[in-house]
Amino acid sequence: MNKRMLTLWLVIIFALVLQLVCAVLGRHSPTPANINTWLSMGGTIILLLSCALCAEEKGYSRNYGLLALLSIFGIIMLAILPHRNKDHL
């Protein structure tokens, strides 16, 4: 796994954690709903972009990044996609 792919996976994990924190804070904290909504939307955008770049890095169309809309199931599908690029090592 090259450095760029590792960085993309770390960004994907960060976006998932951000969404999880927003979901928990939205239910158990008196923080304003607008802050949680904006942070959650930001996490979703980061997740979509990083999954699109990850799919491109594997040799697929960026449209495969839309698998992130399926949450963890889409990310697992993206993770098990084989590399099409020969230079991924």
N, C-alpha and C. Protein backbone atom coordinates (compact mmCIF):
# COMPACT_ATOMS: atom_id res chain seq x y z
N MET A 1 0.85 -1.18 0.00
CA MET A 1 0.00 0.00 0.00
C MET A 1 0.89 1.23 0.00
N ASN A 2 0.66 2.12 -0.96
CA ASN A 2 1.50 3.31 -1.04
C ASN A 2 1.03 4.38 -0.05
N LYS A 3 1.82 5.44 0.06
CA LYS A 3 1.51 6.50 1.03
C LYS A 3 0.20 7.20 0.74
N ARG A 4 -0.08 7.43 -0.54
CA ARG A 4 -1.30 8.14 -0.89
C ARG A 4 -2.53 7.33 -0.49
N MET A 5 -2.50 6.02 -0.74
CA MET A 5 -3.63 5.16 -0.40
C MET A 5 -3.80 5.10 1.12
N LEU A 6 -2.71 5.03 1.85
CA LEU A 6 -2.78 5.01 3.31
C LEU A 6 -3.39 6.32 3.82
N THR A 7 -2.98 7.44 3.25
CA THR A 7 -3.53 8.73 3.65
C THR A 7 -5.03 8.79 3.36
N LEU A 8 -5.44 8.29 2.21
CA LEU A 8 -6.86 8.30 1.87
C LEU A 8 -7.67 7.46 2.86
N TRP A 9 -7.15 6.31 3.24
CA TRP A 9 -7.88 5.47 4.20
C TRP A 9 -7.95 6.13 5.57
N LEU A 10 -6.90 6.85 5.96
CA LEU A 10 -6.94 7.58 7.23
C LEU A 10 -7.98 8.70 7.18
N VAL A 11 -8.11 9.37 6.05
CA VAL A 11 -9.11 10.42 5.90
C VAL A 11 -10.51 9.81 5.94
N ILE A 12 -10.69 8.65 5.32
CA ILE A 12 -11.98 7.96 5.36
C ILE A 12 -12.35 7.61 6.80
N ILE A 13 -11.40 7.10 7.56
CA ILE A 13 -11.66 6.76 8.96
C ILE A 13 -12.00 8.02 9.75
N PHE A 14 -11.27 9.12 9.51
CA PHE A 14 -11.56 10.39 10.18
C PHE A 14 -12.98 10.86 9.90
N ALA A 15 -13.41 10.76 8.63
CA ALA A 15 -14.75 11.21 8.26
C ALA A 15 -15.82 10.35 8.94
N LEU A 16 -15.58 9.05 9.02
CA LEU A 16 -16.54 8.17 9.70
C LEU A 16 -16.64 8.50 11.19
N VAL A 17 -15.49 8.75 11.82
CA VAL A 17 -15.48 9.10 13.24
C VAL A 17 -16.19 10.44 13.45
N LEU A 18 -15.96 11.39 12.55
CA LEU A 18 -16.63 12.69 12.66
C LEU A 18 -18.14 12.53 12.58
N GLN A 19 -18.62 11.70 11.67
CA GLN A 19 -20.06 11.47 11.57
C GLN A 19 -20.60 10.77 12.81
N LEU A 20 -19.85 9.83 13.34
CA LEU A 20 -20.28 9.12 14.55
C LEU A 20 -20.35 10.06 15.74
N VAL A 21 -19.36 10.91 15.90
CA VAL A 21 -19.35 11.88 17.00
C VAL A 21 -20.53 12.83 16.88
N CYS A 22 -20.81 13.28 15.67
CA CYS A 22 -21.96 14.18 15.46
C CYS A 22 -23.27 13.49 15.81
N ALA A 23 -23.39 12.22 15.46
CA ALA A 23 -24.62 11.48 15.77
C ALA A 23 -24.79 11.34 17.28
N VAL A 24 -23.70 11.04 17.99
CA VAL A 24 -23.77 10.88 19.44
C VAL A 24 -24.03 12.21 20.12
N LEU A 25 -23.33 13.25 19.70
CA LEU A 25 -23.53 14.57 20.31
C LEU A 25 -24.92 15.11 20.03
N GLY A 26 -25.46 14.79 18.88
CA GLY A 26 -26.79 15.26 18.54
C GLY A 26 -27.86 14.69 19.45
N ARG A 27 -27.60 13.53 20.01
CA ARG A 27 -28.58 12.89 20.88
C ARG A 27 -28.35 13.16 22.35
N HIS A 28 -27.10 13.35 22.75
CA HIS A 28 -26.79 13.38 24.18
C HIS A 28 -26.13 14.68 24.64
N SER A 29 -26.22 15.71 23.86
CA SER A 29 -25.53 16.94 24.23
C SER A 29 -26.42 18.14 23.91
N PRO A 30 -26.29 19.19 24.71
CA PRO A 30 -27.09 20.38 24.44
C PRO A 30 -26.48 21.29 23.37
N THR A 31 -25.55 20.78 22.56
CA THR A 31 -24.97 21.62 21.51
C THR A 31 -26.04 21.96 20.49
N PRO A 32 -25.92 23.11 19.88
CA PRO A 32 -26.92 23.51 18.88
C PRO A 32 -26.96 22.52 17.72
N ALA A 33 -28.15 22.28 17.22
CA ALA A 33 -28.33 21.31 16.14
C ALA A 33 -27.61 21.75 14.87
N ASN A 34 -27.48 23.06 14.67
CA ASN A 34 -26.82 23.55 13.46
C ASN A 34 -25.36 23.12 13.39
N ILE A 35 -24.68 23.14 14.52
CA ILE A 35 -23.27 22.74 14.55
C ILE A 35 -23.14 21.27 14.18
N ASN A 36 -23.97 20.43 14.79
CA ASN A 36 -23.91 19.00 14.47
C ASN A 36 -24.26 18.74 13.02
N THR A 37 -25.23 19.45 12.50
CA THR A 37 -25.63 19.27 11.10
C THR A 37 -24.49 19.64 10.16
N TRP A 38 -23.86 20.78 10.40
CA TRP A 38 -22.76 21.21 9.53
C TRP A 38 -21.56 20.28 9.63
N LEU A 39 -21.24 19.84 10.83
CA LEU A 39 -20.12 18.91 10.98
C LEU A 39 -20.42 17.57 10.31
N SER A 40 -21.64 17.10 10.45
CA SER A 40 -22.01 15.85 9.81
C SER A 40 -21.98 15.96 8.29
N MET A 41 -22.47 17.08 7.77
CA MET A 41 -22.42 17.30 6.32
C MET A 41 -20.97 17.40 5.84
N GLY A 42 -20.15 18.05 6.62
CA GLY A 42 -18.72 18.13 6.28
C GLY A 42 -18.08 16.75 6.27
N GLY A 43 -18.42 15.93 7.24
CA GLY A 43 -17.90 14.57 7.27
C GLY A 43 -18.35 13.75 6.08
N THR A 44 -19.60 13.96 5.66
CA THR A 44 -20.11 13.24 4.49
C THR A 44 -19.38 13.68 3.22
N ILE A 45 -19.15 14.96 3.08
CA ILE A 45 -18.44 15.46 1.89
C ILE A 45 -17.01 14.95 1.87
N ILE A 46 -16.33 14.99 3.01
CA ILE A 46 -14.97 14.47 3.10
C ILE A 46 -14.96 12.98 2.76
N LEU A 47 -15.94 12.25 3.27
CA LEU A 47 -16.03 10.81 3.01
C LEU A 47 -16.23 10.53 1.52
N LEU A 48 -17.14 11.26 0.88
CA LEU A 48 -17.40 11.05 -0.55
C LEU A 48 -16.16 11.36 -1.40
N LEU A 49 -15.52 12.48 -1.10
CA LEU A 49 -14.34 12.86 -1.88
C LEU A 49 -13.19 11.89 -1.69
N SER A 50 -12.95 11.47 -0.46
CA SER A 50 -11.83 10.56 -0.22
C SER A 50 -12.12 9.17 -0.80
N CYS A 51 -13.37 8.73 -0.77
CA CYS A 51 -13.70 7.45 -1.40
C CYS A 51 -13.57 7.53 -2.91
N ALA A 52 -13.94 8.67 -3.49
CA ALA A 52 -13.78 8.85 -4.94
C ALA A 52 -12.31 8.82 -5.33
N LEU A 53 -11.46 9.47 -4.54
CA LEU A 53 -10.02 9.45 -4.82
C LEU A 53 -9.43 8.07 -4.60
N CYS A 54 -9.95 7.35 -3.62
CA CYS A 54 -9.47 5.99 -3.36
C CYS A 54 -9.83 5.07 -4.53
N ALA A 55 -11.05 5.21 -5.05
CA ALA A 55 -11.45 4.40 -6.21
C ALA A 55 -10.58 4.74 -7.42
N GLU A 56 -10.31 6.02 -7.60
CA GLU A 56 -9.45 6.42 -8.72
C GLU A 56 -8.04 5.87 -8.55
N GLU A 57 -7.55 5.87 -7.34
CA GLU A 57 -6.21 5.34 -7.06
C GLU A 57 -6.14 3.84 -7.37
N LYS A 58 -7.24 3.15 -7.20
CA LYS A 58 -7.30 1.72 -7.50
C LYS A 58 -7.51 1.44 -8.98
N GLY A 59 -7.76 2.49 -9.77
CA GLY A 59 -7.92 2.32 -11.20
C GLY A 59 -9.36 2.31 -11.67
N TYR A 60 -10.28 2.68 -10.82
CA TYR A 60 -11.70 2.71 -11.16
C TYR A 60 -12.15 4.15 -11.35
N SER A 61 -13.37 4.31 -11.83
CA SER A 61 -13.95 5.63 -11.99
C SER A 61 -14.20 6.26 -10.61
N ARG A 62 -14.16 7.57 -10.56
CA ARG A 62 -14.46 8.26 -9.31
C ARG A 62 -15.90 8.03 -8.86
N ASN A 63 -16.75 7.61 -9.78
CA ASN A 63 -18.14 7.34 -9.43
C ASN A 63 -18.27 6.22 -8.40
N TYR A 64 -17.28 5.36 -8.32
CA TYR A 64 -17.30 4.32 -7.31
C TYR A 64 -17.22 4.91 -5.90
N GLY A 65 -16.81 6.15 -5.79
CA GLY A 65 -16.81 6.82 -4.50
C GLY A 65 -18.20 7.01 -3.92
N LEU A 66 -19.20 6.93 -4.78
CA LEU A 66 -20.58 7.03 -4.30
C LEU A 66 -20.97 5.83 -3.44
N LEU A 67 -20.15 4.80 -3.43
CA LEU A 67 -20.40 3.67 -2.53
C LEU A 67 -20.37 4.13 -1.08
N ALA A 68 -19.73 5.26 -0.82
CA ALA A 68 -19.67 5.79 0.55
C ALA A 68 -21.05 6.15 1.07
N LEU A 69 -22.00 6.37 0.17
CA LEU A 69 -23.36 6.67 0.60
C LEU A 69 -24.01 5.48 1.29
N LEU A 70 -23.45 4.30 1.08
CA LEU A 70 -23.94 3.10 1.76
C LEU A 70 -23.28 2.91 3.13
N SER A 71 -22.57 3.94 3.58
CA SER A 71 -21.89 3.95 4.86
C SER A 71 -20.84 2.85 4.92
N ILE A 72 -20.79 2.13 6.00
CA ILE A 72 -19.71 1.17 6.22
C ILE A 72 -19.75 0.03 5.19
N PHE A 73 -20.94 -0.33 4.71
CA PHE A 73 -21.05 -1.40 3.72
C PHE A 73 -20.40 -0.98 2.39
N GLY A 74 -20.61 0.24 1.98
CA GLY A 74 -19.99 0.75 0.77
C GLY A 74 -18.49 0.86 0.90
N ILE A 75 -18.03 1.24 2.07
CA ILE A 75 -16.59 1.37 2.29
C ILE A 75 -15.93 0.00 2.28
N ILE A 76 -16.61 -1.00 2.83
CA ILE A 76 -16.08 -2.36 2.78
C ILE A 76 -16.00 -2.84 1.33
N MET A 77 -17.05 -2.55 0.54
CA MET A 77 -17.02 -2.93 -0.87
C MET A 77 -15.87 -2.23 -1.60
N LEU A 78 -15.64 -0.96 -1.28
CA LEU A 78 -14.54 -0.23 -1.89
C LEU A 78 -13.19 -0.82 -1.47
N ALA A 79 -13.10 -1.24 -0.24
CA ALA A 79 -11.85 -1.80 0.27
C ALA A 79 -11.50 -3.12 -0.41
N ILE A 80 -12.51 -3.93 -0.75
CA ILE A 80 -12.20 -5.24 -1.32
C ILE A 80 -12.11 -5.21 -2.85
N LEU A 81 -12.35 -4.06 -3.46
CA LEU A 81 -12.15 -3.96 -4.90
C LEU A 81 -10.68 -4.21 -5.22
N PRO A 82 -10.40 -5.05 -6.19
CA PRO A 82 -8.99 -5.28 -6.54
C PRO A 82 -8.41 -4.07 -7.28
N HIS A 83 -7.11 -3.93 -7.22
CA HIS A 83 -6.43 -2.86 -7.93
C HIS A 83 -6.40 -3.18 -9.41
N ARG A 84 -6.72 -2.20 -10.21
CA ARG A 84 -6.58 -2.34 -11.66
C ARG A 84 -5.23 -1.83 -12.13
N ASN A 85 -4.65 -0.94 -11.36
CA ASN A 85 -3.34 -0.37 -11.71
C ASN A 85 -2.26 -1.39 -11.42
N LYS A 86 -1.29 -1.48 -12.32
CA LYS A 86 -0.17 -2.40 -12.10
C LYS A 86 0.89 -1.78 -11.19
N ASP A 87 0.85 -0.46 -11.03
CA ASP A 87 1.88 0.22 -10.23
C ASP A 87 1.43 0.50 -8.80
N HIS A 88 0.47 -0.27 -8.28
CA HIS A 88 -0.05 -0.01 -6.94
C HIS A 88 0.87 -0.52 -5.85
N LEU A 89 1.86 -1.28 -6.16
CA LEU A 89 2.78 -1.82 -5.16
C LEU A 89 3.81 -0.82 -4.88
